[in-house]
Amino acid sequence: MENTSYSEICDTKSIKSQIERLDMELYPFGYNFWDVEKDSPRKSKDIYRCADVIKALIDDQKLMGSILQKGFIPIKPLSKRTKVSSKLIEAHEGYIVMAALVLTGNYPDLQLYYGFIFDEE
């Protein structure tokens, strides 16, 4: 298999287009695609805790509608539902928002990155 760099992948028109559309969707939340990296979890344990929050968010149409309408995620209800601390959710809010938007939107190439969220631990 040929080694393909991240920049080569991002040069495709489809992915560029998806990133531009996602960037517009992230704007009301105060984020952009390239800045969300700072909110991304680093520890494996935190990645899977965020995955639980993302699943809970996208599985609940009322919560998902709320974030789209209000421009922020309901941290306390998500914390209560998932038993993930509010502090962790706040620390990774941009990552959670972006993942939820990607997984519920028309971003087929970007969705590949989040496939692990639906894998069983």
Foldseek 3Di string as FASTA:
>chain_A
DDDDDPVNVCPDPLNVVLQVVLQVQLVLLVDHPVVLVQLDDDDPVLNLLLLLLLCVQLVDPVQVVVCSVVVFGPLVVSCVVSVPDSVSCVSNRSVSVSLNCCVPDPRVVVVVVVPCSPDDD
